[in-house]
Amino acid sequence: MSDHVYKIVEIVGTSKLGVDDAIRNAIETSAKSIRHISWFEVTKTTGHVVDGKVEHFQVTLKIGFRIEDE
């Protein structure tokens, strides 16, 4: 196994359905422009309330991806 170098970025995913869906939306959307995503860490969970009801969920993630060797 060779040594690797990783970069970490912070993103926020949202969903009206729930936290799990917000995480999946964030990762799947990020994967369209960031290659080699290896892991994620949920750092914060928040939401938006309208008229006493949860309107949508917001999940802040750190994602780690491998920097390519050339």
PDB file of N, CA and C in Angstrom:
ATOM      1  N   MET A   1       0.855  -1.181   0.000  1.00  0.00           N
ATOM      2  CA  MET A   1       0.000   0.000   0.000  1.00  0.00           C
ATOM      3  C   MET A   1       0.896   1.237   0.000  1.00  0.00           C
ATOM      4  N   SER A   2       0.658   2.128  -0.912  1.00  0.00           N
ATOM      5  CA  SER A   2       1.459   3.347  -0.964  1.00  0.00           C
ATOM      6  C   SER A   2       0.854   4.421  -0.051  1.00  0.00           C
ATOM      7  N   ASP A   3       1.686   5.388   0.295  1.00  0.00           N
ATOM      8  CA  ASP A   3       1.219   6.499   1.120  1.00  0.00           C
ATOM      9  C   ASP A   3       0.381   7.441   0.262  1.00  0.00           C
ATOM     10  N   HIS A   4      -0.600   8.072   0.872  1.00  0.00           N
ATOM     11  CA  HIS A   4      -1.476   8.998   0.163  1.00  0.00           C
ATOM     12  C   HIS A   4      -1.524  10.334   0.889  1.00  0.00           C
ATOM     13  N   VAL A   5      -1.962  11.348   0.170  1.00  0.00           N
ATOM     14  CA  VAL A   5      -2.197  12.669   0.741  1.00  0.00           C
ATOM     15  C   VAL A   5      -3.673  12.984   0.514  1.00  0.00           C
ATOM     16  N   TYR A   6      -4.317  13.532   1.536  1.00  0.00           N
ATOM     17  CA  TYR A   6      -5.747  13.839   1.470  1.00  0.00           C
ATOM     18  C   TYR A   6      -5.995  15.321   1.695  1.00  0.00           C
ATOM     19  N   LYS A   7      -7.065  15.808   1.107  1.00  0.00           N
ATOM     20  CA  LYS A   7      -7.523  17.171   1.331  1.00  0.00           C
ATOM     21  C   LYS A   7      -8.898  17.072   1.975  1.00  0.00           C
ATOM     22  N   ILE A   8      -9.223  18.029   2.840  1.00  0.00           N
ATOM     23  CA  ILE A   8     -10.517  18.072   3.512  1.00  0.00           C
ATOM     24  C   ILE A   8     -11.228  19.359   3.118  1.00  0.00           C
ATOM     25  N   VAL A   9     -12.497  19.231   2.735  1.00  0.00           N
ATOM     26  CA  VAL A   9     -13.329  20.408   2.465  1.00  0.00           C
ATOM     27  C   VAL A   9     -14.613  20.287   3.282  1.00  0.00           C
ATOM     28  N   GLU A  10     -15.223  21.419   3.540  1.00  0.00           N
ATOM     29  CA  GLU A  10     -16.473  21.453   4.299  1.00  0.00           C
ATOM     30  C   GLU A  10     -17.612  21.797   3.355  1.00  0.00           C
ATOM     31  N   ILE A  11     -18.693  21.029   3.444  1.00  0.00           N
ATOM     32  CA  ILE A  11     -19.865  21.248   2.594  1.00  0.00           C
ATOM     33  C   ILE A  11     -21.120  21.169   3.463  1.00  0.00           C
ATOM     34  N   VAL A  12     -22.238  21.646   2.926  1.00  0.00           N
ATOM     35  CA  VAL A  12     -23.523  21.562   3.622  1.00  0.00           C
ATOM     36  C   VAL A  12     -24.534  20.944   2.678  1.00  0.00           C
ATOM     37  N   GLY A  13     -25.162  19.864   3.117  1.00  0.00           N
ATOM     38  CA  GLY A  13     -26.228  19.220   2.348  1.00  0.00           C
ATOM     39  C   GLY A  13     -27.564  19.516   2.995  1.00  0.00           C
ATOM     40  N   THR A  14     -28.600  19.594   2.184  1.00  0.00           N
ATOM     41  CA  THR A  14     -29.944  19.861   2.712  1.00  0.00           C
ATOM     42  C   THR A  14     -30.940  18.855   2.147  1.00  0.00           C
ATOM     43  N   SER A  15     -32.037  18.687   2.863  1.00  0.00           N
ATOM     44  CA  SER A  15     -33.113  17.813   2.398  1.00  0.00           C
ATOM     45  C   SER A  15     -34.380  18.106   3.188  1.00  0.00           C
ATOM     46  N   LYS A  16     -35.493  17.965   2.539  1.00  0.00           N
ATOM     47  CA  LYS A  16     -36.778  18.060   3.227  1.00  0.00           C
ATOM     48  C   LYS A  16     -37.135  16.729   3.889  1.00  0.00           C
ATOM     49  N   LEU A  17     -36.451  15.635   3.459  1.00  0.00           N
ATOM     50  CA  LEU A  17     -36.812  14.299   3.930  1.00  0.00           C
ATOM     51  C   LEU A  17     -36.149  13.912   5.249  1.00  0.00           C
ATOM     52  N   GLY A  18     -34.905  14.339   5.468  1.00  0.00           N
ATOM     53  CA  GLY A  18     -34.235  13.960   6.701  1.00  0.00           C
ATOM     54  C   GLY A  18     -32.730  14.106   6.611  1.00  0.00           C
ATOM     55  N   VAL A  19     -32.081  13.827   7.728  1.00  0.00           N
ATOM     56  CA  VAL A  19     -30.632  13.980   7.839  1.00  0.00           C
ATOM     57  C   VAL A  19     -29.906  13.018   6.901  1.00  0.00           C
ATOM     58  N   ASP A  20     -30.320  11.764   6.870  1.00  0.00           N
ATOM     59  CA  ASP A  20     -29.690  10.769   6.005  1.00  0.00           C
ATOM     60  C   ASP A  20     -29.722  11.206   4.545  1.00  0.00           C
ATOM     61  N   ASP A  21     -30.847  11.700   4.102  1.00  0.00           N
ATOM     62  CA  ASP A  21     -30.990  12.162   2.726  1.00  0.00           C
ATOM     63  C   ASP A  21     -30.122  13.396   2.464  1.00  0.00           C
ATOM     64  N   ALA A  22     -30.000  14.277   3.449  1.00  0.00           N
ATOM     65  CA  ALA A  22     -29.146  15.462   3.304  1.00  0.00           C
ATOM     66  C   ALA A  22     -27.681  15.056   3.145  1.00  0.00           C
ATOM     67  N   ILE A  23     -27.250  14.051   3.903  1.00  0.00           N
ATOM     68  CA  ILE A  23     -25.880  13.550   3.778  1.00  0.00           C
ATOM     69  C   ILE A  23     -25.664  12.959   2.393  1.00  0.00           C
ATOM     70  N   ARG A  24     -26.578  12.124   1.962  1.00  0.00           N
ATOM     71  CA  ARG A  24     -26.443  11.486   0.644  1.00  0.00           C
ATOM     72  C   ARG A  24     -26.448  12.527  -0.478  1.00  0.00           C
ATOM     73  N   ASN A  25     -27.307  13.537  -0.369  1.00  0.00           N
ATOM     74  CA  ASN A  25     -27.329  14.602  -1.380  1.00  0.00           C
ATOM     75  C   ASN A  25     -25.988  15.327  -1.437  1.00  0.00           C
ATOM     76  N   ALA A  26     -25.422  15.620  -0.278  1.00  0.00           N
ATOM     77  CA  ALA A  26     -24.146  16.338  -0.227  1.00  0.00           C
ATOM     78  C   ALA A  26     -23.025  15.522  -0.851  1.00  0.00           C
ATOM     79  N   ILE A  27     -22.933  14.243  -0.498  1.00  0.00           N
ATOM     80  CA  ILE A  27     -21.860  13.390  -1.015  1.00  0.00           C
ATOM     81  C   ILE A  27     -22.029  13.150  -2.511  1.00  0.00           C
ATOM     82  N   GLU A  28     -23.228  12.800  -2.936  1.00  0.00           N
ATOM     83  CA  GLU A  28     -23.456  12.475  -4.345  1.00  0.00           C
ATOM     84  C   GLU A  28     -23.272  13.693  -5.244  1.00  0.00           C
ATOM     85  N   THR A  29     -23.672  14.856  -4.784  1.00  0.00           N
ATOM     86  CA  THR A  29     -23.471  16.071  -5.572  1.00  0.00           C
ATOM     87  C   THR A  29     -21.995  16.445  -5.616  1.00  0.00           C
ATOM     88  N   SER A  30     -21.310  16.331  -4.484  1.00  0.00           N
ATOM     89  CA  SER A  30     -19.873  16.634  -4.442  1.00  0.00           C
ATOM     90  C   SER A  30     -19.069  15.696  -5.332  1.00  0.00           C
ATOM     91  N   ALA A  31     -19.480  14.441  -5.380  1.00  0.00           N
ATOM     92  CA  ALA A  31     -18.750  13.439  -6.171  1.00  0.00           C
ATOM     93  C   ALA A  31     -18.789  13.733  -7.672  1.00  0.00           C
ATOM     94  N   LYS A  32     -19.675  14.604  -8.098  1.00  0.00           N
ATOM     95  CA  LYS A  32     -19.721  14.985  -9.519  1.00  0.00           C
ATOM     96  C   LYS A  32     -18.537  15.865  -9.902  1.00  0.00           C
ATOM     97  N   SER A  33     -17.964  16.570  -8.914  1.00  0.00           N
ATOM     98  CA  SER A  33     -16.844  17.463  -9.221  1.00  0.00           C
ATOM     99  C   SER A  33     -15.576  17.163  -8.409  1.00  0.00           C
ATOM    100  N   ILE A  34     -15.680  16.300  -7.405  1.00  0.00           N
ATOM    101  CA  ILE A  34     -14.511  15.931  -6.591  1.00  0.00           C
ATOM    102  C   ILE A  34     -14.295  14.429  -6.735  1.00  0.00           C
ATOM    103  N   ARG A  35     -13.114  14.059  -7.216  1.00  0.00           N
ATOM    104  CA  ARG A  35     -12.809  12.633  -7.381  1.00  0.00           C
ATOM    105  C   ARG A  35     -12.153  12.079  -6.122  1.00  0.00           C
ATOM    106  N   HIS A  36     -12.245  10.779  -5.971  1.00  0.00           N
ATOM    107  CA  HIS A  36     -11.564  10.034  -4.913  1.00  0.00           C
ATOM    108  C   HIS A  36     -12.027  10.403  -3.501  1.00  0.00           C
ATOM    109  N   ILE A  37     -13.320  10.704  -3.338  1.00  0.00           N
ATOM    110  CA  ILE A  37     -13.839  10.939  -1.984  1.00  0.00           C
ATOM    111  C   ILE A  37     -13.702   9.634  -1.206  1.00  0.00           C
ATOM    112  N   SER A  38     -13.089   9.722  -0.032  1.00  0.00           N
ATOM    113  CA  SER A  38     -12.812   8.530   0.762  1.00  0.00           C
ATOM    114  C   SER A  38     -13.653   8.423   2.027  1.00  0.00           C
ATOM    115  N   TRP A  39     -14.010   9.548   2.624  1.00  0.00           N
ATOM    116  CA  TRP A  39     -14.722   9.515   3.892  1.00  0.00           C
ATOM    117  C   TRP A  39     -15.449  10.829   4.136  1.00  0.00           C
ATOM    118  N   PHE A  40     -16.328  10.824   5.125  1.00  0.00           N
ATOM    119  CA  PHE A  40     -16.989  12.061   5.554  1.00  0.00           C
ATOM    120  C   PHE A  40     -17.181  12.027   7.061  1.00  0.00           C
ATOM    121  N   GLU A  41     -17.344  13.211   7.622  1.00  0.00           N
ATOM    122  CA  GLU A  41     -17.610  13.375   9.049  1.00  0.00           C
ATOM    123  C   GLU A  41     -18.705  14.423   9.196  1.00  0.00           C
ATOM    124  N   VAL A  42     -19.780  14.081   9.875  1.00  0.00           N
ATOM    125  CA  VAL A  42     -20.842  15.047  10.153  1.00  0.00           C
ATOM    126  C   VAL A  42     -20.367  15.916  11.314  1.00  0.00           C
ATOM    127  N   THR A  43     -20.281  17.221  11.080  1.00  0.00           N
ATOM    128  CA  THR A  43     -19.797  18.122  12.126  1.00  0.00           C
ATOM    129  C   THR A  43     -20.918  18.941  12.761  1.00  0.00           C
ATOM    130  N   LYS A  44     -22.047  19.031  12.060  1.00  0.00           N
ATOM    131  CA  LYS A  44     -23.133  19.863  12.585  1.00  0.00           C
ATOM    132  C   LYS A  44     -24.436  19.458  11.902  1.00  0.00           C
ATOM    133  N   THR A  45     -25.503  19.415  12.678  1.00  0.00           N
ATOM    134  CA  THR A  45     -26.835  19.151  12.131  1.00  0.00           C
ATOM    135  C   THR A  45     -27.743  20.289  12.566  1.00  0.00           C
ATOM    136  N   THR A  46     -28.345  20.940  11.599  1.00  0.00           N
ATOM    137  CA  THR A  46     -29.269  22.034  11.883  1.00  0.00           C
ATOM    138  C   THR A  46     -30.491  21.871  10.991  1.00  0.00           C
ATOM    139  N   GLY A  47     -31.430  22.773  11.136  1.00  0.00           N
ATOM    140  CA  GLY A  47     -32.622  22.712  10.304  1.00  0.00           C
ATOM    141  C   GLY A  47     -33.314  24.050  10.261  1.00  0.00           C
ATOM    142  N   HIS A  48     -34.331  24.085   9.438  1.00  0.00           N
ATOM    143  CA  HIS A  48     -35.113  25.292   9.238  1.00  0.00           C
ATOM    144  C   HIS A  48     -36.550  24.981   9.634  1.00  0.00           C
ATOM    145  N   VAL A  49     -37.113  25.816  10.507  1.00  0.00           N
ATOM    146  CA  VAL A  49     -38.469  25.607  11.008  1.00  0.00           C
ATOM    147  C   VAL A  49     -39.388  26.694  10.472  1.00  0.00           C
ATOM    148  N   VAL A  50     -40.560  26.272   9.981  1.00  0.00           N
ATOM    149  CA  VAL A  50     -41.578  27.203   9.489  1.00  0.00           C
ATOM    150  C   VAL A  50     -42.906  26.831  10.131  1.00  0.00           C
ATOM    151  N   ASP A  51     -43.534  27.786  10.762  1.00  0.00           N
ATOM    152  CA  ASP A  51     -44.831  27.569  11.419  1.00  0.00           C
ATOM    153  C   ASP A  51     -44.814  26.376  12.372  1.00  0.00           C
ATOM    154  N   GLY A  52     -43.719  26.240  13.120  1.00  0.00           N
ATOM    155  CA  GLY A  52     -43.631  25.182  14.114  1.00  0.00           C
ATOM    156  C   GLY A  52     -43.331  23.802  13.570  1.00  0.00           C
ATOM    157  N   LYS A  53     -43.027  23.696  12.279  1.00  0.00           N
ATOM    158  CA  LYS A  53     -42.726  22.391  11.674  1.00  0.00           C
ATOM    159  C   LYS A  53     -41.367  22.455  10.980  1.00  0.00           C
ATOM    160  N   VAL A  54     -40.688  21.314  10.957  1.00  0.00           N
ATOM    161  CA  VAL A  54     -39.394  21.244  10.276  1.00  0.00           C
ATOM    162  C   VAL A  54     -39.620  21.368   8.776  1.00  0.00           C
ATOM    163  N   GLU A  55     -39.029  22.398   8.199  1.00  0.00           N
ATOM    164  CA  GLU A  55     -39.144  22.635   6.757  1.00  0.00           C
ATOM    165  C   GLU A  55     -38.077  21.839   6.005  1.00  0.00           C
ATOM    166  N   HIS A  56     -36.834  21.896   6.481  1.00  0.00           N
ATOM    167  CA  HIS A  56     -35.784  21.056   5.907  1.00  0.00           C
ATOM    168  C   HIS A  56     -34.618  20.916   6.878  1.00  0.00           C
ATOM    169  N   PHE A  57     -33.812  19.892   6.617  1.00  0.00           N
ATOM    170  CA  PHE A  57     -32.650  19.565   7.433  1.00  0.00           C
ATOM    171  C   PHE A  57     -31.392  20.064   6.737  1.00  0.00           C
ATOM    172  N   GLN A  58     -30.412  20.497   7.531  1.00  0.00           N
ATOM    173  CA  GLN A  58     -29.124  20.942   7.013  1.00  0.00           C
ATOM    174  C   GLN A  58     -28.040  20.178   7.763  1.00  0.00           C
ATOM    175  N   VAL A  59     -27.123  19.572   7.017  1.00  0.00           N
ATOM    176  CA  VAL A  59     -26.048  18.796   7.623  1.00  0.00           C
ATOM    177  C   VAL A  59     -24.716  19.322   7.098  1.00  0.00           C
ATOM    178  N   THR A  60     -23.854  19.754   8.009  1.00  0.00           N
ATOM    179  CA  THR A  60     -22.514  20.209   7.637  1.00  0.00           C
ATOM    180  C   THR A  60     -21.582  19.014   7.721  1.00  0.00           C
ATOM    181  N   LEU A  61     -20.817  18.801   6.649  1.00  0.00           N
ATOM    182  CA  LEU A  61     -19.918  17.656   6.556  1.00  0.00           C
ATOM    183  C   LEU A  61     -18.508  18.112   6.232  1.00  0.00           C
ATOM    184  N   LYS A  62     -17.545  17.384   6.737  1.00  0.00           N
ATOM    185  CA  LYS A  62     -16.182  17.467   6.231  1.00  0.00           C
ATOM    186  C   LYS A  62     -16.024  16.233   5.353  1.00  0.00           C
ATOM    187  N   ILE A  63     -15.562  16.427   4.121  1.00  0.00           N
ATOM    188  CA  ILE A  63     -15.281  15.278   3.267  1.00  0.00           C
ATOM    189  C   ILE A  63     -13.793  15.238   2.967  1.00  0.00           C
ATOM    190  N   GLY A  64     -13.256  14.050   2.970  1.00  0.00           N
ATOM    191  CA  GLY A  64     -11.850  13.849   2.674  1.00  0.00           C
ATOM    192  C   GLY A  64     -11.703  13.152   1.341  1.00  0.00           C
ATOM    193  N   PHE A  65     -10.795  13.637   0.540  1.00  0.00           N
ATOM    194  CA  PHE A  65     -10.548  12.980  -0.750  1.00  0.00           C
ATOM    195  C   PHE A  65      -9.045  12.934  -1.016  1.00  0.00           C
ATOM    196  N   ARG A  66      -8.663  11.888  -1.735  1.00  0.00           N
ATOM    197  CA  ARG A  66      -7.254  11.635  -2.011  1.00  0.00           C
ATOM    198  C   ARG A  66      -6.769  12.519  -3.139  1.00  0.00           C
ATOM    199  N   ILE A  67      -5.603  13.149  -2.916  1.00  0.00           N
ATOM    200  CA  ILE A  67      -4.953  13.934  -3.946  1.00  0.00           C
ATOM    201  C   ILE A  67      -4.246  12.944  -4.884  1.00  0.00           C
ATOM    202  N   GLU A  68      -4.442  13.120  -6.179  1.00  0.00           N
ATOM    203  CA  GLU A  68      -3.863  12.190  -7.149  1.00  0.00           C
ATOM    204  C   GLU A  68      -2.349  12.349  -7.256  1.00  0.00           C
ATOM    205  N   ASP A  69      -1.669  11.221  -7.358  1.00  0.00           N
ATOM    206  CA  ASP A  69      -0.246  11.214  -7.651  1.00  0.00           C
ATOM    207  C   ASP A  69      -0.092  11.271  -9.175  1.00  0.00           C
ATOM    208  N   GLU A  70       0.904  11.967  -9.632  1.00  0.00           N
ATOM    209  CA  GLU A  70       1.115  11.989 -11.089  1.00  0.00           C
ATOM    210  C   GLU A  70       2.415  11.364 -11.451  1.00  0.00           C
TER     211      GLU A  70
END
